[in-house]
All heavy atoms as atom14 arrays in JSON, in Angstrom:
{
  "sequence": "DLQVISTMVQDAVLPVSEMSWRPKERRFALLLNRF",
  "atom14_mask": [
    [1, 1, 1, 1, 1, 1, 1, 1, 0, 0, 0, 0, 0, 0],
    [1, 1, 1, 1, 1, 1, 1, 1, 0, 0, 0, 0, 0, 0],
    [1, 1, 1, 1, 1, 1, 1, 1, 1, 0, 0, 0, 0, 0],
    [1, 1, 1, 1, 1, 1, 1, 0, 0, 0, 0, 0, 0, 0],
    [1, 1, 1, 1, 1, 1, 1, 1, 0, 0, 0, 0, 0, 0],
    [1, 1, 1, 1, 1, 1, 0, 0, 0, 0, 0, 0, 0, 0],
    [1, 1, 1, 1, 1, 1, 1, 0, 0, 0, 0, 0, 0, 0],
    [1, 1, 1, 1, 1, 1, 1, 1, 0, 0, 0, 0, 0, 0],
    [1, 1, 1, 1, 1, 1, 1, 0, 0, 0, 0, 0, 0, 0],
    [1, 1, 1, 1, 1, 1, 1, 1, 1, 0, 0, 0, 0, 0],
    [1, 1, 1, 1, 1, 1, 1, 1, 0, 0, 0, 0, 0, 0],
    [1, 1, 1, 1, 1, 0, 0, 0, 0, 0, 0, 0, 0, 0],
    [1, 1, 1, 1, 1, 1, 1, 0, 0, 0, 0, 0, 0, 0],
    [1, 1, 1, 1, 1, 1, 1, 1, 0, 0, 0, 0, 0, 0],
    [1, 1, 1, 1, 1, 1, 1, 0, 0, 0, 0, 0, 0, 0],
    [1, 1, 1, 1, 1, 1, 1, 0, 0, 0, 0, 0, 0, 0],
    [1, 1, 1, 1, 1, 1, 0, 0, 0, 0, 0, 0, 0, 0],
    [1, 1, 1, 1, 1, 1, 1, 1, 1, 0, 0, 0, 0, 0],
    [1, 1, 1, 1, 1, 1, 1, 1, 0, 0, 0, 0, 0, 0],
    [1, 1, 1, 1, 1, 1, 0, 0, 0, 0, 0, 0, 0, 0],
    [1, 1, 1, 1, 1, 1, 1, 1, 1, 1, 1, 1, 1, 1],
    [1, 1, 1, 1, 1, 1, 1, 1, 1, 1, 1, 0, 0, 0],
    [1, 1, 1, 1, 1, 1, 1, 0, 0, 0, 0, 0, 0, 0],
    [1, 1, 1, 1, 1, 1, 1, 1, 1, 0, 0, 0, 0, 0],
    [1, 1, 1, 1, 1, 1, 1, 1, 1, 0, 0, 0, 0, 0],
    [1, 1, 1, 1, 1, 1, 1, 1, 1, 1, 1, 0, 0, 0],
    [1, 1, 1, 1, 1, 1, 1, 1, 1, 1, 1, 0, 0, 0],
    [1, 1, 1, 1, 1, 1, 1, 1, 1, 1, 1, 0, 0, 0],
    [1, 1, 1, 1, 1, 0, 0, 0, 0, 0, 0, 0, 0, 0],
    [1, 1, 1, 1, 1, 1, 1, 1, 0, 0, 0, 0, 0, 0],
    [1, 1, 1, 1, 1, 1, 1, 1, 0, 0, 0, 0, 0, 0],
    [1, 1, 1, 1, 1, 1, 1, 1, 0, 0, 0, 0, 0, 0],
    [1, 1, 1, 1, 1, 1, 1, 1, 0, 0, 0, 0, 0, 0],
    [1, 1, 1, 1, 1, 1, 1, 1, 1, 1, 1, 0, 0, 0],
    [1, 1, 1, 1, 1, 1, 1, 1, 1, 1, 1, 0, 0, 0]
  ],
  "atom14_positions": [
    [[86.31, 83.15, 98.8], [86.64, 84.57, 98.67], [87.89, 84.91, 99.49], [88.74, 85.68, 99.05], [85.49, 85.45, 99.13], [84.22, 85.24, 98.33], [84.31, 84.83, 97.15], [83.13, 85.46, 98.89], [0.0, 0.0, 0.0], [0.0, 0.0, 0.0], [0.0, 0.0, 0.0], [0.0, 0.0, 0.0], [0.0, 0.0, 0.0], [0.0, 0.0, 0.0]],
    [[87.99, 84.33, 100.67], [89.14, 84.59, 101.53], [90.42, 84.05, 100.88], [91.49, 84.65, 101.03], [88.95, 83.96, 102.92], [90.02, 84.31, 103.95], [90.06, 85.81, 104.22], [89.78, 83.54, 105.24], [0.0, 0.0, 0.0], [0.0, 0.0, 0.0], [0.0, 0.0, 0.0], [0.0, 0.0, 0.0], [0.0, 0.0, 0.0], [0.0, 0.0, 0.0]],
    [[90.3, 82.95, 100.14], [91.47, 82.41, 99.45], [92.02, 83.42, 98.43], [93.23, 83.56, 98.26], [91.13, 81.09, 98.76], [92.3, 80.48, 98.0], [93.5, 80.19, 98.88], [93.37, 79.66, 99.97], [94.69, 80.56, 98.41], [0.0, 0.0, 0.0], [0.0, 0.0, 0.0], [0.0, 0.0, 0.0], [0.0, 0.0, 0.0], [0.0, 0.0, 0.0]],
    [[91.13, 84.14, 97.76], [91.57, 85.17, 96.81], [92.32, 86.27, 97.54], [93.41, 86.69, 97.12], [90.37, 85.75, 96.02], [90.8, 86.93, 95.16], [89.71, 84.66, 95.18], [0.0, 0.0, 0.0], [0.0, 0.0, 0.0], [0.0, 0.0, 0.0], [0.0, 0.0, 0.0], [0.0, 0.0, 0.0], [0.0, 0.0, 0.0], [0.0, 0.0, 0.0]],
    [[91.77, 86.73, 98.66], [92.45, 87.75, 99.46], [93.8, 87.23, 99.94], [94.81, 87.93, 99.86], [91.57, 88.21, 100.64], [90.4, 89.05, 100.12], [92.39, 88.99, 101.67], [89.42, 89.49, 101.18], [0.0, 0.0, 0.0], [0.0, 0.0, 0.0], [0.0, 0.0, 0.0], [0.0, 0.0, 0.0], [0.0, 0.0, 0.0], [0.0, 0.0, 0.0]],
    [[93.83, 85.99, 100.39], [95.08, 85.4, 100.87], [96.15, 85.41, 99.78], [97.31, 85.73, 100.04], [94.84, 83.97, 101.35], [96.03, 83.38, 101.8], [0.0, 0.0, 0.0], [0.0, 0.0, 0.0], [0.0, 0.0, 0.0], [0.0, 0.0, 0.0], [0.0, 0.0, 0.0], [0.0, 0.0, 0.0], [0.0, 0.0, 0.0], [0.0, 0.0, 0.0]],
    [[95.76, 85.08, 98.57], [96.7, 85.1, 97.45], [97.24, 86.5, 97.21], [98.43, 86.69, 96.95], [96.02, 84.56, 96.17], [95.59, 83.22, 96.42], [96.94, 84.6, 94.98], [0.0, 0.0, 0.0], [0.0, 0.0, 0.0], [0.0, 0.0, 0.0], [0.0, 0.0, 0.0], [0.0, 0.0, 0.0], [0.0, 0.0, 0.0], [0.0, 0.0, 0.0]],
    [[96.39, 87.5, 97.32], [96.8, 88.87, 97.04], [97.69, 89.46, 98.14], [98.42, 90.41, 97.89], [95.58, 89.77, 96.81], [94.71, 89.31, 95.64], [95.63, 88.97, 94.13], [95.94, 90.6, 93.57], [0.0, 0.0, 0.0], [0.0, 0.0, 0.0], [0.0, 0.0, 0.0], [0.0, 0.0, 0.0], [0.0, 0.0, 0.0], [0.0, 0.0, 0.0]],
    [[97.62, 88.93, 99.37], [98.44, 89.46, 100.45], [99.66, 88.6, 100.75], [100.46, 88.93, 101.63], [97.63, 89.7, 101.75], [96.55, 90.73, 101.53], [97.08, 88.4, 102.31], [0.0, 0.0, 0.0], [0.0, 0.0, 0.0], [0.0, 0.0, 0.0], [0.0, 0.0, 0.0], [0.0, 0.0, 0.0], [0.0, 0.0, 0.0], [0.0, 0.0, 0.0]],
    [[99.83, 87.51, 100.0], [101.03, 86.68, 100.21], [102.27, 87.54, 100.02], [102.37, 88.3, 99.06], [101.05, 85.51, 99.23], [102.25, 84.62, 99.42], [102.28, 83.46, 98.44], [101.36, 83.25, 97.68], [103.35, 82.7, 98.49], [0.0, 0.0, 0.0], [0.0, 0.0, 0.0], [0.0, 0.0, 0.0], [0.0, 0.0, 0.0], [0.0, 0.0, 0.0]],
    [[103.19, 87.42, 100.94], [104.46, 88.16, 100.94], [104.31, 89.64, 101.29], [105.25, 90.42, 101.09], [105.21, 88.0, 99.61], [105.6, 86.55, 99.37], [106.19, 85.95, 100.29], [105.3, 86.02, 98.29], [0.0, 0.0, 0.0], [0.0, 0.0, 0.0], [0.0, 0.0, 0.0], [0.0, 0.0, 0.0], [0.0, 0.0, 0.0], [0.0, 0.0, 0.0]],
    [[103.17, 90.03, 101.82], [103.03, 91.39, 102.34], [103.9, 91.51, 103.59], [104.12, 90.53, 104.31], [101.58, 91.7, 102.68], [0.0, 0.0, 0.0], [0.0, 0.0, 0.0], [0.0, 0.0, 0.0], [0.0, 0.0, 0.0], [0.0, 0.0, 0.0], [0.0, 0.0, 0.0], [0.0, 0.0, 0.0], [0.0, 0.0, 0.0], [0.0, 0.0, 0.0]],
    [[104.4, 92.71, 103.84], [105.2, 92.97, 105.04], [104.58, 94.14, 105.79], [103.93, 95.0, 105.19], [106.68, 93.25, 104.7], [107.35, 92.01, 104.15], [106.82, 94.4, 103.74], [0.0, 0.0, 0.0], [0.0, 0.0, 0.0], [0.0, 0.0, 0.0], [0.0, 0.0, 0.0], [0.0, 0.0, 0.0], [0.0, 0.0, 0.0], [0.0, 0.0, 0.0]],
    [[104.78, 94.12, 107.11], [104.26, 95.2, 107.93], [105.03, 95.28, 109.23], [105.47, 94.26, 109.75], [102.77, 95.01, 108.23], [102.4, 93.86, 109.18], [101.21, 94.26, 110.03], [102.09, 92.62, 108.4], [0.0, 0.0, 0.0], [0.0, 0.0, 0.0], [0.0, 0.0, 0.0], [0.0, 0.0, 0.0], [0.0, 0.0, 0.0], [0.0, 0.0, 0.0]],
    [[105.2, 96.5, 109.76], [105.75, 96.61, 111.11], [104.68, 96.15, 112.1], [103.48, 96.35, 111.88], [106.01, 98.11, 111.28], [105.79, 98.73, 109.95], [105.0, 97.78, 109.12], [0.0, 0.0, 0.0], [0.0, 0.0, 0.0], [0.0, 0.0, 0.0], [0.0, 0.0, 0.0], [0.0, 0.0, 0.0], [0.0, 0.0, 0.0], [0.0, 0.0, 0.0]],
    [[105.11, 95.53, 113.18], [104.16, 95.05, 114.19], [103.3, 96.21, 114.71], [102.15, 96.01, 115.12], [104.89, 94.29, 115.32], [105.65, 95.22, 116.21], [103.93, 93.43, 116.11], [0.0, 0.0, 0.0], [0.0, 0.0, 0.0], [0.0, 0.0, 0.0], [0.0, 0.0, 0.0], [0.0, 0.0, 0.0], [0.0, 0.0, 0.0], [0.0, 0.0, 0.0]],
    [[103.82, 97.42, 114.65], [103.08, 98.59, 115.12], [101.88, 98.93, 114.23], [101.03, 99.74, 114.64], [104.01, 99.8, 115.22], [104.54, 100.11, 113.93], [0.0, 0.0, 0.0], [0.0, 0.0, 0.0], [0.0, 0.0, 0.0], [0.0, 0.0, 0.0], [0.0, 0.0, 0.0], [0.0, 0.0, 0.0], [0.0, 0.0, 0.0], [0.0, 0.0, 0.0]],
    [[101.77, 98.33, 113.07], [100.66, 98.62, 112.15], [99.52, 97.62, 112.27], [98.73, 97.44, 111.35], [101.16, 98.69, 110.71], [102.11, 99.85, 110.45], [101.49, 101.22, 110.69], [100.25, 101.35, 110.71], [102.26, 102.18, 110.86], [0.0, 0.0, 0.0], [0.0, 0.0, 0.0], [0.0, 0.0, 0.0], [0.0, 0.0, 0.0], [0.0, 0.0, 0.0]],
    [[99.43, 96.96, 113.43], [98.28, 96.11, 113.75], [97.35, 96.93, 114.64], [97.82, 97.61, 115.56], [98.7, 94.85, 114.5], [99.57, 93.92, 113.7], [99.84, 92.31, 114.5], [100.32, 92.74, 116.15], [0.0, 0.0, 0.0], [0.0, 0.0, 0.0], [0.0, 0.0, 0.0], [0.0, 0.0, 0.0], [0.0, 0.0, 0.0], [0.0, 0.0, 0.0]],
    [[96.06, 96.87, 114.37], [95.1, 97.64, 115.15], [93.94, 96.75, 115.58], [93.23, 96.2, 114.74], [94.58, 98.81, 114.32], [93.56, 99.5, 115.02], [0.0, 0.0, 0.0], [0.0, 0.0, 0.0], [0.0, 0.0, 0.0], [0.0, 0.0, 0.0], [0.0, 0.0, 0.0], [0.0, 0.0, 0.0], [0.0, 0.0, 0.0], [0.0, 0.0, 0.0]],
    [[93.73, 96.64, 116.89], [92.62, 95.87, 117.45], [91.71, 96.84, 118.17], [92.13, 97.55, 119.09], [93.17, 94.81, 118.4], [92.23, 94.17, 119.36], [92.42, 94.03, 120.71], [90.98, 93.54, 119.09], [91.36, 93.36, 121.27], [90.46, 93.05, 120.3], [90.23, 93.36, 117.92], [89.24, 92.39, 120.39], [89.02, 92.7, 118.0], [88.53, 92.22, 119.23]],
    [[90.48, 96.94, 117.68], [89.5, 97.83, 118.28], [88.34, 97.0, 118.81], [87.37, 96.72, 118.1], [89.0, 98.83, 117.24], [90.14, 99.73, 116.78], [89.66, 100.83, 115.92], [90.79, 101.69, 115.63], [90.72, 102.72, 114.84], [89.58, 103.03, 114.26], [91.79, 103.46, 114.62], [0.0, 0.0, 0.0], [0.0, 0.0, 0.0], [0.0, 0.0, 0.0]],
    [[88.42, 96.59, 120.08], [87.42, 95.68, 120.64], [86.0, 96.23, 120.62], [85.05, 95.49, 120.37], [87.89, 95.44, 122.07], [89.22, 96.06, 122.2], [89.48, 96.9, 121.02], [0.0, 0.0, 0.0], [0.0, 0.0, 0.0], [0.0, 0.0, 0.0], [0.0, 0.0, 0.0], [0.0, 0.0, 0.0], [0.0, 0.0, 0.0], [0.0, 0.0, 0.0]],
    [[85.83, 97.53, 120.87], [84.48, 98.11, 120.89], [83.83, 98.05, 119.5], [82.62, 97.91, 119.38], [84.5, 99.54, 121.4], [84.79, 99.63, 122.88], [84.75, 101.05, 123.37], [85.07, 101.1, 124.86], [85.1, 102.46, 125.37], [0.0, 0.0, 0.0], [0.0, 0.0, 0.0], [0.0, 0.0, 0.0], [0.0, 0.0, 0.0], [0.0, 0.0, 0.0]],
    [[84.65, 98.18, 118.46], [84.15, 98.1, 117.08], [84.19, 96.67, 116.56], [83.7, 96.41, 115.46], [84.99, 98.99, 116.17], [84.91, 100.46, 116.52], [85.88, 101.29, 115.7], [86.23, 100.88, 114.57], [86.29, 102.36, 116.19], [0.0, 0.0, 0.0], [0.0, 0.0, 0.0], [0.0, 0.0, 0.0], [0.0, 0.0, 0.0], [0.0, 0.0, 0.0]],
    [[84.8, 95.78, 117.33], [84.96, 94.37, 116.94], [85.68, 94.26, 115.59], [85.31, 93.49, 114.74], [83.61, 93.67, 116.92], [82.98, 93.65, 118.29], [81.59, 93.14, 118.33], [81.34, 92.08, 117.37], [80.42, 91.16, 117.5], [79.67, 91.15, 118.56], [80.21, 90.25, 116.58], [0.0, 0.0, 0.0], [0.0, 0.0, 0.0], [0.0, 0.0, 0.0]],
    [[86.75, 95.04, 115.45], [87.5, 95.09, 114.19], [88.99, 94.93, 114.47], [89.52, 95.52, 115.41], [87.26, 96.42, 113.49], [88.06, 96.59, 112.2], [87.74, 97.88, 111.47], [86.34, 97.84, 111.06], [85.46, 98.81, 111.33], [85.82, 99.89, 111.99], [84.21, 98.7, 110.93], [0.0, 0.0, 0.0], [0.0, 0.0, 0.0], [0.0, 0.0, 0.0]],
    [[89.63, 94.14, 113.63], [91.08, 93.99, 113.66], [91.59, 94.31, 112.26], [91.04, 93.83, 111.27], [91.47, 92.55, 114.04], [92.96, 92.33, 114.08], [93.71, 92.78, 115.15], [93.6, 91.69, 113.04], [95.09, 92.58, 115.19], [94.97, 91.49, 113.06], [95.71, 91.93, 114.14], [0.0, 0.0, 0.0], [0.0, 0.0, 0.0], [0.0, 0.0, 0.0]],
    [[92.64, 95.14, 112.18], [93.14, 95.56, 110.87], [94.66, 95.57, 110.86], [95.31, 95.79, 111.89], [92.6, 96.93, 110.5], [0.0, 0.0, 0.0], [0.0, 0.0, 0.0], [0.0, 0.0, 0.0], [0.0, 0.0, 0.0], [0.0, 0.0, 0.0], [0.0, 0.0, 0.0], [0.0, 0.0, 0.0], [0.0, 0.0, 0.0], [0.0, 0.0, 0.0]],
    [[95.19, 95.35, 109.67], [96.63, 95.4, 109.42], [96.88, 96.35, 108.27], [96.21, 96.26, 107.24], [97.15, 94.01, 109.02], [96.86, 92.85, 109.96], [97.1, 91.52, 109.27], [97.73, 92.97, 111.19], [0.0, 0.0, 0.0], [0.0, 0.0, 0.0], [0.0, 0.0, 0.0], [0.0, 0.0, 0.0], [0.0, 0.0, 0.0], [0.0, 0.0, 0.0]],
    [[97.84, 97.26, 108.43], [98.26, 98.11, 107.33], [99.5, 97.45, 106.73], [100.56, 97.42, 107.33], [98.59, 99.53, 107.81], [99.07, 100.49, 106.73], [98.02, 100.68, 105.63], [99.46, 101.83, 107.34], [0.0, 0.0, 0.0], [0.0, 0.0, 0.0], [0.0, 0.0, 0.0], [0.0, 0.0, 0.0], [0.0, 0.0, 0.0], [0.0, 0.0, 0.0]],
    [[99.32, 96.9, 105.53], [100.33, 96.07, 104.87], [101.03, 96.82, 103.75], [100.45, 97.7, 103.13], [99.67, 94.86, 104.21], [98.7, 94.01, 105.0], [97.94, 93.1, 104.05], [99.45, 93.21, 106.03], [0.0, 0.0, 0.0], [0.0, 0.0, 0.0], [0.0, 0.0, 0.0], [0.0, 0.0, 0.0], [0.0, 0.0, 0.0], [0.0, 0.0, 0.0]],
    [[102.24, 96.4, 103.46], [102.92, 96.76, 102.23], [102.8, 95.51, 101.35], [103.59, 94.58, 101.47], [104.38, 97.14, 102.49], [104.45, 98.41, 103.3], [104.08, 99.47, 102.82], [104.9, 98.31, 104.53], [0.0, 0.0, 0.0], [0.0, 0.0, 0.0], [0.0, 0.0, 0.0], [0.0, 0.0, 0.0], [0.0, 0.0, 0.0], [0.0, 0.0, 0.0]],
    [[101.77, 95.52, 100.51], [101.39, 94.35, 99.73], [102.16, 94.28, 98.42], [102.25, 95.28, 97.7], [99.87, 94.43, 99.45], [99.3, 93.3, 98.66], [97.81, 93.47, 98.46], [97.46, 94.47, 97.47], [97.5, 94.27, 96.14], [97.91, 93.15, 95.65], [97.14, 95.24, 95.33], [0.0, 0.0, 0.0], [0.0, 0.0, 0.0], [0.0, 0.0, 0.0]],
    [[102.71, 93.1, 98.1], [103.31, 92.92, 96.79], [102.17, 92.82, 95.78], [101.2, 92.1, 95.98], [104.18, 91.65, 96.73], [104.92, 91.52, 95.44], [106.09, 92.24, 95.23], [104.43, 90.73, 94.42], [106.76, 92.16, 94.02], [105.1, 90.65, 93.21], [106.26, 91.35, 93.01], [0.0, 0.0, 0.0], [0.0, 0.0, 0.0], [0.0, 0.0, 0.0]]
  ]
}
């Protein structure tokens, strides 16, 4: 399943400022501009 996601996000771009690490929620997220 992760391979499918990987294919869909290949060549996505993002500013480094759009990375979010929330340790209390144990969640890491990226806001991408996905092709």
